[in-house]
Protein backbone atom coordinates (compact mmCIF):
# COMPACT_ATOMS: atom_id res chain seq x y z
CA MET A 1 0.00 0.00 0.00
CA ILE A 2 2.95 2.34 0.67
CA PHE A 3 4.17 1.80 -2.87
CA GLN A 4 0.66 2.59 -4.17
CA ALA A 5 0.67 5.86 -2.25
CA ILE A 6 4.05 6.80 -3.72
CA TYR A 7 2.78 5.95 -7.21
CA VAL A 8 -0.34 8.11 -6.80
CA LEU A 9 1.73 11.01 -5.51
CA SER A 10 4.05 10.77 -8.49
CA CYS A 11 1.03 11.12 -10.79
CA LEU A 12 -0.41 14.12 -8.99
CA MET A 13 2.75 16.08 -8.25
CA PRO A 14 4.69 17.85 -11.03
CA ILE A 15 8.06 16.16 -11.65
CA SER A 16 9.84 19.46 -11.04
CA THR A 17 8.14 19.96 -7.65
CA PRO A 18 9.59 17.51 -5.07
CA LEU A 19 7.69 16.92 -1.83
CA LEU A 20 10.14 18.52 0.61
CA ILE A 21 7.80 18.95 3.60
CA PRO A 22 6.39 15.94 5.50
CA PRO A 23 2.67 15.44 4.73
CA SER A 24 1.61 16.05 8.34
CA ASN A 25 3.32 19.48 8.36
CA ILE A 26 1.77 20.44 5.01
CA ILE A 27 -1.70 19.72 6.36
CA LYS A 28 -1.01 21.84 9.44
CA LEU A 29 -0.11 24.77 7.18
CA PHE A 30 -3.67 24.79 5.89
CA GLN A 31 -5.47 24.30 9.21
CA LYS A 32 -6.15 27.99 9.72
CA GLU A 33 -8.48 29.15 12.45
CA ASN A 34 -12.16 29.63 11.52
CA PHE A 35 -11.69 28.33 7.98
CA PRO A 36 -14.54 26.17 6.67
CA VAL A 37 -13.48 22.55 6.19
CA SER A 38 -14.75 19.71 4.06
CA PRO A 39 -16.97 17.05 5.68
CA THR A 40 -15.63 14.63 3.05
CA PHE A 41 -11.99 15.26 3.97
CA PRO A 42 -11.59 17.24 7.23
CA HIS A 43 -8.11 18.57 6.37
CA LEU A 44 -9.29 20.39 3.20
CA PRO A 45 -10.10 24.05 4.01
CA SER A 46 -11.23 26.72 1.61
CA SER A 47 -8.50 29.09 0.46
CA PHE A 48 -10.83 32.04 1.20
CA PRO A 49 -11.34 33.43 4.73
CA PRO A 50 -15.03 33.38 5.72
CA ASP A 51 -15.06 37.16 6.39
CA LEU A 52 -13.77 38.09 2.92
CA PRO A 53 -16.27 40.36 1.09
CA PRO A 54 -18.14 38.46 -1.70
CA SER A 55 -16.93 40.81 -4.43
CA MET A 56 -13.26 40.27 -3.48
CA SER A 57 -13.51 36.47 -3.36
CA SER A 58 -15.38 36.46 -6.68
CA GLU A 59 -12.78 38.70 -8.31
CA ALA A 60 -9.97 36.50 -7.00
CA LEU A 61 -11.73 33.40 -8.33
CA THR A 62 -12.33 34.80 -11.82
CA SER A 63 -8.81 36.19 -12.06
CA PHE A 64 -7.33 32.85 -11.03
CA LEU A 65 -9.04 30.94 -13.83
CA LEU A 66 -7.06 32.54 -16.64
CA GLN A 67 -3.76 33.22 -14.93
CA PRO A 68 -1.08 31.61 -17.13
CA ASN A 69 0.60 30.01 -14.09
CA SER A 70 -2.61 28.81 -12.39
CA ASN A 71 -3.54 25.17 -12.31
CA LEU A 72 -6.73 23.70 -10.80
CA LEU A 73 -9.72 24.62 -8.69
CA VAL A 74 -10.13 21.95 -6.01
CA HIS A 75 -13.65 21.36 -4.70
CA PRO A 76 -14.71 18.49 -2.41
CA PHE A 77 -18.47 19.05 -2.36
CA SER A 78 -19.60 18.54 -5.98
CA PHE A 79 -21.10 15.07 -5.54
CA PRO A 80 -22.31 14.11 -2.04
CA SER A 81 -23.65 10.74 -3.29
CA VAL A 82 -21.48 8.11 -4.93
CA ALA A 83 -22.84 4.67 -5.82
CA LYS A 84 -21.66 1.53 -7.56
CA LEU A 85 -24.00 -0.37 -9.86
CA THR A 86 -23.18 -4.05 -10.29
CA SER A 87 -24.81 -6.67 -12.51
CA LYS A 88 -23.94 -9.80 -14.46
CA SER A 89 -23.35 -7.75 -17.58
CA GLN A 90 -22.67 -4.12 -18.44
CA SER A 91 -25.67 -4.13 -20.79
CA LEU A 92 -28.03 -4.94 -17.90
CA ALA A 93 -26.60 -2.04 -15.88
CA ASN A 94 -26.87 0.33 -18.85
CA ASP A 95 -30.46 -0.72 -19.54
CA TRP A 96 -31.42 0.01 -15.94
CA LEU A 97 -29.69 3.42 -15.97
CA ASN A 98 -31.29 4.23 -19.35
CA GLY A 99 -34.72 4.13 -17.77
CA LYS A 100 -33.80 6.52 -14.97
CA PHE A 101 -31.73 9.29 -16.60
CA THR A 102 -31.96 11.53 -19.66
CA HIS A 103 -28.61 10.48 -21.11
CA LYS A 104 -27.43 7.18 -22.55
CA PRO A 105 -24.88 5.56 -20.22
CA SER A 106 -21.89 3.96 -21.89
CA LEU A 107 -18.34 2.94 -21.11
CA SER A 108 -17.27 6.58 -21.47
CA THR A 109 -18.10 9.35 -19.02
CA THR A 110 -21.48 10.96 -19.63
CA ARG A 111 -23.51 13.55 -17.75
CA GLY A 112 -27.30 13.54 -17.62
CA CYS A 113 -30.31 14.56 -15.57
CA TYR A 114 -32.62 12.85 -13.12
CA LEU A 115 -36.16 14.21 -13.53
CA SER A 116 -39.48 14.04 -11.75
CA SER A 117 -42.34 12.15 -13.36
CA ARG A 118 -43.42 15.47 -14.91
CA GLY A 119 -40.02 16.12 -16.44
CA ARG A 120 -38.84 18.67 -13.89
CA MET A 121 -35.16 18.91 -13.02
CA ILE A 122 -34.12 17.29 -9.73
CA SER A 123 -30.43 16.45 -10.06
CA GLN A 124 -27.54 16.15 -12.44
CA ALA A 125 -25.64 12.87 -12.57
CA VAL A 126 -22.37 11.61 -14.01
CA THR A 127 -21.99 7.96 -14.98
CA SER A 128 -18.75 6.20 -15.86
CA GLN A 129 -18.95 2.45 -16.37
CA ASN A 130 -20.43 1.17 -13.07
CA ILE A 131 -19.90 4.37 -11.02
CA LEU A 132 -22.74 6.86 -10.45
CA LEU A 133 -22.16 10.40 -9.12
CA LEU A 134 -25.20 12.36 -7.88
CA GLU A 135 -25.23 16.02 -6.85
CA ASN A 136 -28.56 15.61 -4.98
CA SER A 137 -28.24 13.22 -2.04
CA GLU A 138 -32.03 12.68 -1.96
CA VAL A 139 -32.00 10.84 -5.31
CA LEU A 140 -30.08 7.71 -4.29
CA PRO A 141 -32.75 6.40 -1.84
CA LYS A 142 -35.37 6.90 -4.56
CA LEU A 143 -33.30 4.96 -7.07
CA SER A 144 -32.84 2.10 -4.60
CA LYS A 145 -36.60 1.69 -4.36
CA MET A 146 -36.83 1.35 -8.16
CA ILE A 147 -34.78 -1.85 -8.30
CA PHE A 148 -36.77 -5.06 -8.81
CA PRO A 149 -35.48 -8.68 -8.76
CA LEU A 150 -35.87 -9.07 -12.52
CA ASP A 151 -33.62 -6.04 -13.14
CA GLY A 152 -30.58 -8.08 -12.20
CA VAL A 153 -28.71 -5.10 -10.74
CA VAL A 154 -27.48 -4.06 -7.30
CA LEU A 155 -27.01 -0.38 -6.32
CA GLU A 156 -24.54 0.12 -3.50
CA GLU A 157 -23.74 3.48 -1.91
CA LEU A 158 -20.02 4.03 -1.40
CA THR A 159 -19.88 5.74 1.99
CA GLU A 160 -16.21 5.18 2.81
CA VAL A 161 -14.77 6.90 -0.25
CA THR A 162 -13.29 10.38 -0.63
CA VAL A 163 -14.46 12.40 -3.65
CA VAL A 164 -12.80 15.59 -4.85
CA SER A 165 -13.48 17.47 -8.09
CA LEU A 166 -10.83 19.40 -10.03
CA TYR A 167 -11.68 22.15 -12.53
CA GLY A 168 -9.45 24.07 -14.89
CA ASP A 169 -8.57 25.19 -18.41
CA VAL A 170 -8.96 22.20 -20.71
CA ARG A 171 -5.58 23.01 -22.29
CA LYS A 172 -3.83 22.74 -18.92
CA MET A 173 -5.77 19.85 -17.38
CA PRO A 174 -3.30 17.12 -16.35
CA THR A 175 -3.77 13.47 -17.26
CA PHE A 176 -4.15 11.13 -14.30
CA THR A 177 -2.86 7.56 -14.55
CA LEU A 178 -4.05 5.79 -11.42
CA ASP A 179 -4.62 2.29 -10.10
CA PRO A 180 -8.38 1.70 -10.68
CA THR A 181 -8.55 -0.57 -7.65
CA THR A 182 -7.74 2.33 -5.33
CA THR A 183 -8.52 5.57 -7.19
CA ILE A 184 -10.85 6.29 -10.10
CA ALA A 185 -10.48 9.40 -12.26
CA ILE A 186 -13.66 10.42 -14.10
CA ASN A 187 -12.93 12.97 -16.82
CA GLU A 188 -15.36 15.53 -18.24
CA PRO A 189 -13.78 17.28 -21.26
CA PHE A 190 -16.44 20.02 -21.20
CA PHE A 191 -17.82 21.42 -17.95
CA GLY A 192 -18.49 24.96 -19.15
CA ARG A 193 -16.99 27.97 -20.90
CA LEU A 194 -15.87 31.28 -19.43
CA PRO A 195 -18.09 34.13 -20.67
CA ARG A 196 -16.76 36.80 -23.03
CA PHE A 197 -18.49 39.84 -21.61
CA ASP A 198 -17.09 43.10 -22.94
CA SER A 199 -15.20 44.71 -20.04
CA THR A 200 -17.56 43.00 -17.61
CA ILE A 201 -15.29 40.88 -15.47
CA PRO A 202 -11.55 41.06 -14.80
CA ILE A 203 -10.74 38.34 -17.33
CA THR A 204 -8.77 38.76 -20.52
CA ILE A 205 -9.06 36.26 -23.36
CA ASP A 206 -7.14 36.45 -26.60
CA LEU A 207 -10.06 36.51 -29.01
CA ASN A 208 -7.65 36.29 -31.93
CA GLN A 209 -6.96 32.65 -31.14
CA ASP A 210 -8.72 30.27 -33.49
CA SER A 211 -8.80 27.39 -31.02
CA SER A 212 -12.27 26.34 -29.90
CA ASP A 213 -10.74 25.44 -26.54
CA VAL A 214 -10.25 29.08 -25.51
CA GLY A 215 -12.07 29.58 -22.21
CA LYS A 216 -13.25 25.96 -22.09
CA ILE A 217 -13.30 24.46 -18.59
CA ALA A 218 -12.79 20.73 -18.06
CA ALA A 219 -13.37 18.67 -14.91
CA VAL A 220 -11.82 15.60 -13.31
CA HIS A 221 -13.56 13.85 -10.42
CA LEU A 222 -11.22 11.75 -8.26
CA ILE A 223 -12.92 8.91 -6.35
CA ILE A 224 -10.43 7.68 -3.75
CA LEU A 225 -11.57 4.20 -2.75
CA SER A 226 -8.75 3.53 -0.29
CA PRO A 227 -8.85 5.50 3.00
CA ILE A 228 -5.08 5.01 3.35
CA LEU A 229 -4.46 6.83 0.07
CA ALA A 230 -6.88 9.68 0.80
CA GLU A 231 -4.46 11.69 2.93
CA PRO A 232 -1.40 11.57 0.61
CA ILE A 233 -3.50 12.39 -2.45
CA MET A 234 -5.24 15.32 -0.80
CA THR A 235 -1.94 16.49 0.65
CA SER A 236 -0.37 16.55 -2.79
CA LEU A 237 -3.25 18.70 -4.06
CA LEU A 238 -2.90 21.09 -1.15
CA SER A 239 0.87 21.36 -1.43
CA ASN A 240 0.70 22.52 -5.04
CA GLU A 241 0.73 26.30 -4.73
CA LYS A 242 -0.81 26.65 -8.20
CA ASN A 243 -4.08 25.04 -7.02
CA LEU A 244 -6.93 26.98 -5.40
CA VAL A 245 -9.20 25.24 -2.88
CA ILE A 246 -12.81 26.46 -3.01
CA GLY A 247 -15.80 25.90 -0.76
CA ASP A 248 -19.50 25.79 -1.55
CA ALA A 249 -19.87 29.58 -1.85
CA GLU A 250 -16.99 29.93 -4.30
CA PHE A 251 -18.16 26.93 -6.33
CA SER A 252 -21.62 28.48 -6.60
CA ASN A 253 -20.03 31.70 -7.91
CA PHE A 254 -17.97 29.64 -10.35
CA GLN A 255 -21.13 27.96 -11.66
CA THR A 256 -22.94 31.29 -12.03
CA LEU A 257 -19.99 32.73 -13.96
CA LEU A 258 -20.05 29.80 -16.40
CA GLY A 259 -23.83 30.02 -16.70
CA ASN A 260 -24.37 26.50 -15.36
CA PRO A 261 -27.70 25.92 -13.57
CA GLN A 262 -27.14 24.46 -10.13
CA LEU A 263 -28.94 22.59 -7.39
CA SER A 264 -30.84 24.72 -4.83
CA TYR A 265 -30.69 27.77 -7.12
CA GLU A 266 -32.05 27.08 -10.62
CA TYR A 267 -33.69 23.78 -9.58
CA PRO A 268 -35.66 21.99 -8.25
CA ILE A 269 -37.45 24.91 -6.59
CA SER A 270 -38.17 26.57 -9.95
CA ARG A 271 -39.79 23.36 -11.27
CA ALA A 272 -37.91 23.95 -14.51
CA ASN A 273 -37.51 21.45 -17.31
CA PRO A 274 -33.85 20.72 -18.27
CA LEU A 275 -34.48 22.27 -21.70
CA GLU A 276 -35.58 25.53 -20.06
CA LEU A 277 -32.26 25.50 -18.19
CA GLY A 278 -30.29 25.16 -21.43
CA LEU A 279 -29.32 21.55 -20.71
CA SER A 280 -30.43 20.06 -24.01
CA ASN A 281 -26.91 18.63 -24.42
CA LEU A 282 -27.61 16.40 -21.40
CA VAL A 283 -30.74 14.90 -22.98
CA ASP A 284 -30.50 12.05 -25.47
CA PHE A 285 -33.51 12.55 -27.75
CA ASP A 286 -32.93 9.26 -29.56
CA LYS A 287 -33.09 6.85 -26.62
CA GLY A 288 -35.94 4.78 -25.23
CA CYS A 289 -38.24 5.59 -22.33
CA TYR A 290 -36.94 7.23 -19.15
CA LEU A 291 -38.43 8.86 -16.09
CA GLY A 292 -39.87 12.28 -17.01
CA GLN A 293 -39.66 11.75 -20.78
CA GLU A 294 -43.28 12.80 -21.29
CA GLY A 295 -42.55 16.19 -19.76
CA VAL A 296 -39.54 16.71 -22.02
CA THR A 297 -41.53 15.63 -25.09
CA ALA A 298 -44.43 17.92 -24.23
CA ILE A 299 -42.28 21.03 -23.93
CA ILE A 300 -40.66 20.36 -27.32
CA LYS A 301 -44.00 19.77 -29.02
CA ASN A 302 -45.34 23.06 -27.64
CA LYS A 303 -45.69 25.26 -30.73
CA ARG A 304 -45.31 28.40 -28.62
CA GLY A 305 -41.83 27.33 -27.49
CA PHE A 306 -40.38 26.83 -24.01
CA PRO A 307 -42.21 28.71 -21.21
CA ARG A 308 -38.86 30.01 -19.85
CA TYR A 309 -35.17 30.01 -20.71
CA LEU A 310 -32.01 30.67 -18.69
CA TYR A 311 -29.99 33.82 -19.49
CA HIS A 312 -27.13 35.76 -17.93
CA VAL A 313 -28.11 39.17 -16.57
CA VAL A 314 -25.11 41.51 -16.32
CA LEU A 315 -25.78 44.62 -14.21
CA ASP A 316 -23.64 47.72 -13.70
CA ARG A 317 -22.40 48.33 -10.18
CA SER A 318 -20.72 51.60 -9.22
CA VAL A 319 -17.34 51.46 -7.52
CA GLY A 320 -17.66 52.05 -3.78
CA ASP A 321 -21.24 50.77 -3.54
CA ASP A 322 -22.01 49.12 -0.24
CA GLU A 323 -21.78 45.31 -0.32
CA ASP A 324 -25.39 45.12 0.86
CA LYS A 325 -26.53 46.99 -2.26
CA CYS A 326 -27.13 43.97 -4.39
CA VAL A 327 -29.94 42.17 -6.16
CA GLU A 328 -31.59 39.24 -4.47
CA VAL A 329 -32.60 35.80 -5.65
CA ASN A 330 -36.23 35.79 -6.89
CA GLU A 331 -36.06 39.52 -7.64
CA ASN A 332 -37.88 40.54 -10.82
CA VAL A 333 -36.13 41.29 -14.10
CA VAL A 334 -37.93 44.13 -15.94
CA ARG A 335 -37.68 45.47 -19.48
CA LEU A 336 -39.11 48.52 -21.22
CA VAL A 337 -41.81 47.39 -23.66
CA ASP A 338 -43.97 49.95 -25.50
CA GLY A 339 -43.16 52.63 -22.93
CA GLU A 340 -43.97 50.42 -19.90
CA MET A 341 -41.71 48.45 -17.56
CA VAL A 342 -42.76 44.80 -17.87
CA ILE A 343 -41.65 41.90 -15.68
CA ILE A 344 -39.97 39.36 -17.97
CA GLY A 345 -38.40 36.95 -15.48
CA SER A 346 -36.75 36.44 -12.09
CA ILE A 347 -33.22 36.10 -10.71
CA THR A 348 -32.08 32.60 -9.70
CA SER A 349 -28.43 33.14 -8.64
CA VAL A 350 -26.11 36.10 -8.09
CA LEU A 351 -22.36 36.70 -8.46
CA VAL A 352 -21.10 40.03 -7.05
CA LEU A 353 -18.00 41.58 -8.63
CA PRO A 354 -16.40 44.97 -7.85
CA LYS A 355 -17.93 46.70 -10.89
CA LYS A 356 -20.57 44.26 -12.09
CA ILE A 357 -23.21 41.91 -10.78
CA VAL A 358 -23.53 38.76 -12.89
CA CYS A 359 -26.77 36.84 -12.41
CA LEU A 360 -28.63 33.93 -13.88
CA ALA A 361 -32.32 34.45 -14.55
CA LEU A 362 -35.21 32.46 -15.98
CA ILE A 363 -36.77 34.68 -18.66
CA LYS A 364 -40.40 34.20 -19.70
CA ARG A 365 -41.56 33.25 -23.17
CA THR A 366 -43.72 36.38 -23.35
CA ALA A 367 -40.52 38.47 -23.52
CA ALA A 368 -39.25 36.69 -26.65
CA ALA A 369 -38.15 39.01 -29.42
CA ALA A 370 -38.58 36.28 -32.07
CA PRO A 371 -41.89 34.70 -33.10
CA SER A 372 -42.50 31.21 -31.72
CA SER A 373 -42.14 29.68 -35.18
CA ASP A 374 -38.49 30.84 -35.29
CA LEU A 375 -37.46 29.49 -31.87
CA ASP A 376 -34.62 26.97 -32.21
CA ILE A 377 -33.62 24.57 -29.45
CA ASN A 378 -30.06 24.47 -30.79
CA GLN A 379 -29.50 28.23 -30.40
CA ASN A 380 -27.93 29.76 -27.28
CA ASP A 381 -30.10 32.86 -27.71
CA TYR A 382 -33.37 30.95 -27.65
CA PHE A 383 -35.66 33.97 -27.24
CA GLY A 384 -33.59 36.37 -29.36
CA LEU A 385 -32.92 38.67 -26.40
CA ASN A 386 -29.12 38.87 -26.38
CA ASP A 387 -27.81 42.37 -25.52
CA GLN A 388 -31.28 43.68 -24.63
CA ASP A 389 -31.49 46.35 -21.90
CA VAL A 390 -33.04 45.24 -18.61
CA SER A 391 -33.25 46.44 -15.01
CA VAL A 392 -33.17 44.63 -11.65
CA GLY A 393 -33.73 46.43 -8.36
CA GLY A 394 -32.95 49.80 -9.92
CA LEU A 395 -29.68 48.63 -11.47
CA GLY A 396 -29.45 48.71 -15.24
CA GLY A 397 -27.80 46.07 -17.36
CA LYS A 398 -28.20 43.66 -20.26
CA LEU A 399 -29.31 40.13 -21.02
CA MET A 400 -26.51 37.90 -22.28
CA THR A 401 -26.59 34.40 -23.71
CA VAL A 402 -24.71 31.52 -22.13
CA ASP A 403 -22.18 29.70 -24.29
CA ARG A 404 -23.22 26.09 -23.86
CA ALA A 405 -22.19 22.72 -25.18
CA ARG A 406 -24.56 21.45 -27.85
CA ASN A 407 -25.47 17.94 -28.87
CA GLU A 408 -24.35 18.23 -32.47
CA GLU A 409 -25.21 14.63 -33.31
CA ILE A 410 -28.96 15.17 -32.92
CA VAL A 411 -31.15 17.64 -34.74
CA ILE A 412 -34.61 18.08 -33.24
CA GLU A 413 -37.54 18.53 -35.55
CA LYS A 414 -40.96 19.64 -34.35
CA THR A 415 -43.77 17.47 -35.70
CA ASP A 416 -47.41 17.01 -34.86
CA ASP A 417 -47.16 13.50 -33.49
CA LYS A 418 -43.57 12.57 -32.64
CA ILE A 419 -40.00 13.76 -32.26
CA GLU A 420 -37.54 12.54 -34.84
CA GLY A 421 -33.77 12.41 -34.93
CA GLU A 422 -31.86 13.35 -38.03
CA GLY A 423 -32.03 10.52 -40.57
CA ASP A 424 -34.50 8.49 -38.47
CA ASP A 425 -36.31 6.27 -40.99
CA GLY A 426 -37.81 3.81 -38.52
CA GLY A 427 -34.68 1.69 -38.20
CA ALA A 428 -33.83 3.26 -34.85
CA GLU A 429 -37.19 2.20 -33.41
CA LEU A 430 -36.68 -1.39 -34.60
CA GLU A 431 -33.24 -1.38 -33.02
CA ARG A 432 -34.70 -0.16 -29.70
CA ILE A 433 -37.31 -2.94 -29.78
CA ALA A 434 -34.62 -5.54 -30.46
CA LYS A 435 -32.55 -4.28 -27.53
CA LYS A 436 -35.61 -4.37 -25.29
CA MET A 437 -36.35 -7.98 -26.26
CA LYS A 438 -32.74 -8.95 -25.59
CA MET A 439 -32.89 -7.29 -22.17
CA LEU A 440 -36.08 -9.20 -21.27
CA GLN A 441 -34.48 -12.47 -22.34
CA GLU A 442 -31.43 -11.77 -20.17
CA ARG A 443 -33.64 -10.97 -17.18
CA ALA A 444 -35.60 -14.19 -17.67
CA GLN A 445 -32.36 -16.19 -17.87
CA ALA A 446 -31.06 -14.50 -14.71
CA LEU A 447 -34.28 -15.47 -12.89
CA ARG A 448 -33.93 -19.10 -14.04
CA ASP A 449 -30.32 -19.18 -12.87
CA ARG A 450 -31.32 -17.95 -9.39
CA LYS A 451 -34.02 -20.61 -9.12
CA LYS A 452 -31.41 -23.30 -9.79
């Protein structure tokens, strides 16, 4: 086990940065008084003092992301629930997951959504082979109740593991080569993209670069299965001065900056559909039945378009304004229409910067600048409101679109009776039926084997 710990450390530490301080002393360096600590790993504090003004911590976070010598954001709270799904075959496990989430699980890492029966967003999930990461801890008990003997699967919560998520520029994200029996690295090549607001936030991006990776943020989720390895791995992350440890508050600001909807802010309290939240890339429109599919189908078939859509709201904030002078969650977003101020939506999350306030807001369909017949699910600016003037709590600003990942393999077409994928000539439906029959046969065989 000692040799395994040395091997893991060699993967996480830069070759040019030897570990000169004993691990116990490194941990003590970060045990500062009154710092919030991680319940997952008690020696992992936030790099930000709790009394730091929100605008200063937000500015430090956004500046860190594009510093040429910066490395990774380290966050231990992204997924409070980790489970392992076991079965006699990977196809049985995938078939079971297919019926519960909006994405199509595979051997590669995929992110999807867990919905209510009405298609409302409850949690995001990441699946990688037989590992399931859930951001909402209330979902796992519900999933456990959905397992029946004929399913041939077992869902086990991994309570003794340490999970830490790493975020950073996709061009600088290191590659982890680890022993899968002790540590699992789940890679997400696209977690979000830094916004390109004009003089809005203290971030500079070379817009002359042709690379599509400019501003793209990737994520790696480390699942440390061995308690003995947890301390040396976390110590190596802490000892790297180029890393920045963030707590829940900073991670929420990070999500708001990227325009990512998040638990307890954009859902589930808003009862929003994942398509309203701009998460169409997390929905596989060409798969079989799953929980909440009817709600997703209904909102696409609606000829008037989505009832709401998630936008950035960027407000001007004068230098020297009191920190308490800020917009609040659920505050109305108003816009001048025909000489009258009309409520067009409400704020869902807020990021305070020294000169700007960056918010996420669900904007109503009635505010759409484009006719419903022109609304396109594949467009970031769904309602055609980009750069429109708005006001929140007396502060003026503009609506901005969020640069999202798009599912380029699927083109959605609105029809009167069904939803089709590009090139769908009926063969896909026959293939789904064949897979379903094969699954039923495997379940029947598993039942016969147990009876023997």
